[in-house]
Amino acid sequence: MEKTPGRQLEGIMRKSGVNDQGEFEDEYLYAIRRRDWPQRYNKTLVTVLV
């Protein structure tokens, strides 16, 4: 996920879920800023929802 162009790490939710072995896992949250979207993606292929 972090190698996707334009995505930036927004935060980490510590111990937010439990895996199949019953262990807690962290969740990493990534986002693309709205102002960066048009520069990185073809406008004819995607729709930005408001």
N, C-alpha and C. Protein backbone atom coordinates (compact mmCIF):
# COMPACT_ATOMS: atom_id res chain seq x y z
N MET A 1 0.82 -1.19 0.00
CA MET A 1 0.00 0.00 0.00
C MET A 1 0.87 1.26 0.00
N GLU A 2 1.93 1.28 0.78
CA GLU A 2 2.75 2.49 0.86
C GLU A 2 3.51 2.77 -0.43
N LYS A 3 3.58 1.79 -1.34
CA LYS A 3 4.27 2.02 -2.60
C LYS A 3 3.34 2.58 -3.68
N THR A 4 2.05 2.70 -3.38
CA THR A 4 1.11 3.27 -4.33
C THR A 4 1.38 4.76 -4.45
N PRO A 5 1.56 5.28 -5.66
CA PRO A 5 1.88 6.70 -5.83
C PRO A 5 0.85 7.61 -5.17
N GLY A 6 1.33 8.58 -4.42
CA GLY A 6 0.46 9.58 -3.84
C GLY A 6 -0.07 9.27 -2.46
N ARG A 7 0.02 8.04 -2.04
CA ARG A 7 -0.51 7.68 -0.72
C ARG A 7 0.47 8.07 0.37
N GLN A 8 -0.09 8.58 1.45
CA GLN A 8 0.73 8.97 2.59
C GLN A 8 0.17 8.34 3.85
N LEU A 9 1.05 7.96 4.74
CA LEU A 9 0.63 7.39 6.01
C LEU A 9 -0.05 8.48 6.84
N GLU A 10 -1.29 8.24 7.23
CA GLU A 10 -2.06 9.20 8.02
C GLU A 10 -2.01 8.87 9.50
N GLY A 11 -1.90 7.59 9.80
CA GLY A 11 -1.88 7.21 11.22
C GLY A 11 -1.84 5.71 11.39
N ILE A 12 -1.65 5.31 12.64
CA ILE A 12 -1.61 3.90 12.99
C ILE A 12 -2.60 3.68 14.14
N MET A 13 -3.52 2.76 13.94
CA MET A 13 -4.45 2.39 14.99
C MET A 13 -3.86 1.18 15.70
N ARG A 14 -3.35 1.39 16.88
CA ARG A 14 -2.67 0.34 17.64
C ARG A 14 -3.67 -0.70 18.16
N LYS A 15 -3.33 -1.95 17.94
CA LYS A 15 -4.12 -3.09 18.42
C LYS A 15 -5.61 -2.92 18.08
N SER A 16 -5.88 -2.62 16.82
CA SER A 16 -7.25 -2.34 16.40
C SER A 16 -8.03 -3.57 15.97
N GLY A 17 -7.35 -4.68 15.81
CA GLY A 17 -8.03 -5.89 15.37
C GLY A 17 -7.34 -7.14 15.88
N VAL A 18 -8.02 -8.25 15.72
CA VAL A 18 -7.49 -9.53 16.16
C VAL A 18 -7.36 -10.45 14.95
N ASN A 19 -6.20 -11.09 14.81
CA ASN A 19 -6.00 -12.00 13.68
C ASN A 19 -6.52 -13.40 14.00
N ASP A 20 -6.33 -14.34 13.08
CA ASP A 20 -6.84 -15.71 13.25
C ASP A 20 -6.20 -16.45 14.43
N GLN A 21 -5.02 -16.03 14.84
CA GLN A 21 -4.34 -16.66 15.97
C GLN A 21 -4.72 -16.01 17.30
N GLY A 22 -5.62 -15.02 17.28
CA GLY A 22 -6.05 -14.36 18.50
C GLY A 22 -5.12 -13.26 18.98
N GLU A 23 -4.19 -12.84 18.12
CA GLU A 23 -3.23 -11.79 18.49
C GLU A 23 -3.73 -10.44 17.98
N PHE A 24 -3.49 -9.40 18.76
CA PHE A 24 -3.85 -8.05 18.33
C PHE A 24 -2.91 -7.58 17.23
N GLU A 25 -3.45 -6.82 16.26
CA GLU A 25 -2.65 -6.27 15.17
C GLU A 25 -2.92 -4.78 15.02
N ASP A 26 -1.91 -4.07 14.52
CA ASP A 26 -2.05 -2.64 14.24
C ASP A 26 -2.64 -2.47 12.84
N GLU A 27 -3.34 -1.36 12.64
CA GLU A 27 -3.90 -1.03 11.32
C GLU A 27 -3.27 0.27 10.86
N TYR A 28 -2.70 0.26 9.66
CA TYR A 28 -2.06 1.44 9.10
C TYR A 28 -3.05 2.13 8.15
N LEU A 29 -3.24 3.42 8.34
CA LEU A 29 -4.20 4.18 7.54
C LEU A 29 -3.46 5.06 6.54
N TYR A 30 -3.80 4.90 5.26
CA TYR A 30 -3.18 5.67 4.19
C TYR A 30 -4.24 6.50 3.49
N ALA A 31 -3.83 7.62 2.91
CA ALA A 31 -4.77 8.48 2.20
C ALA A 31 -4.06 9.19 1.06
N ILE A 32 -4.88 9.64 0.11
CA ILE A 32 -4.40 10.51 -0.97
C ILE A 32 -5.13 11.83 -0.80
N ARG A 33 -4.39 12.91 -0.72
CA ARG A 33 -5.03 14.21 -0.56
C ARG A 33 -5.78 14.59 -1.83
N ARG A 34 -6.91 15.24 -1.66
CA ARG A 34 -7.76 15.62 -2.79
C ARG A 34 -6.99 16.47 -3.80
N ARG A 35 -6.14 17.37 -3.32
CA ARG A 35 -5.40 18.24 -4.25
C ARG A 35 -4.34 17.48 -5.04
N ASP A 36 -3.90 16.32 -4.54
CA ASP A 36 -2.90 15.50 -5.24
C ASP A 36 -3.52 14.53 -6.23
N TRP A 37 -4.81 14.24 -6.06
CA TRP A 37 -5.48 13.24 -6.89
C TRP A 37 -5.39 13.54 -8.39
N PRO A 38 -5.76 14.74 -8.86
CA PRO A 38 -5.75 15.00 -10.31
C PRO A 38 -4.37 14.87 -10.96
N GLN A 39 -3.33 15.12 -10.22
CA GLN A 39 -1.98 15.04 -10.76
C GLN A 39 -1.52 13.60 -10.93
N ARG A 40 -2.11 12.68 -10.19
CA ARG A 40 -1.62 11.30 -10.17
C ARG A 40 -2.51 10.31 -10.91
N TYR A 41 -3.77 10.66 -11.15
CA TYR A 41 -4.69 9.70 -11.74
C TYR A 41 -5.44 10.30 -12.92
N ASN A 42 -5.76 9.47 -13.88
CA ASN A 42 -6.45 9.87 -15.09
C ASN A 42 -7.91 10.22 -14.74
N LYS A 43 -8.31 11.45 -14.97
CA LYS A 43 -9.64 11.91 -14.60
C LYS A 43 -10.75 11.18 -15.36
N THR A 44 -10.45 10.64 -16.53
CA THR A 44 -11.48 9.96 -17.31
C THR A 44 -11.76 8.55 -16.79
N LEU A 45 -10.88 8.02 -15.93
CA LEU A 45 -11.05 6.66 -15.43
C LEU A 45 -11.61 6.58 -14.02
N VAL A 46 -11.59 7.70 -13.29
CA VAL A 46 -12.03 7.69 -11.89
C VAL A 46 -12.96 8.85 -11.62
N THR A 47 -13.77 8.71 -10.57
CA THR A 47 -14.67 9.76 -10.14
C THR A 47 -14.39 10.09 -8.69
N VAL A 48 -14.22 11.36 -8.37
CA VAL A 48 -14.03 11.78 -7.00
C VAL A 48 -15.39 12.10 -6.42
N LEU A 49 -15.74 11.41 -5.33
CA LEU A 49 -17.02 11.64 -4.67
C LEU A 49 -16.84 12.72 -3.62
N VAL A 50 -17.80 13.61 -3.55
CA VAL A 50 -17.72 14.71 -2.58
C VAL A 50 -18.60 14.42 -1.39
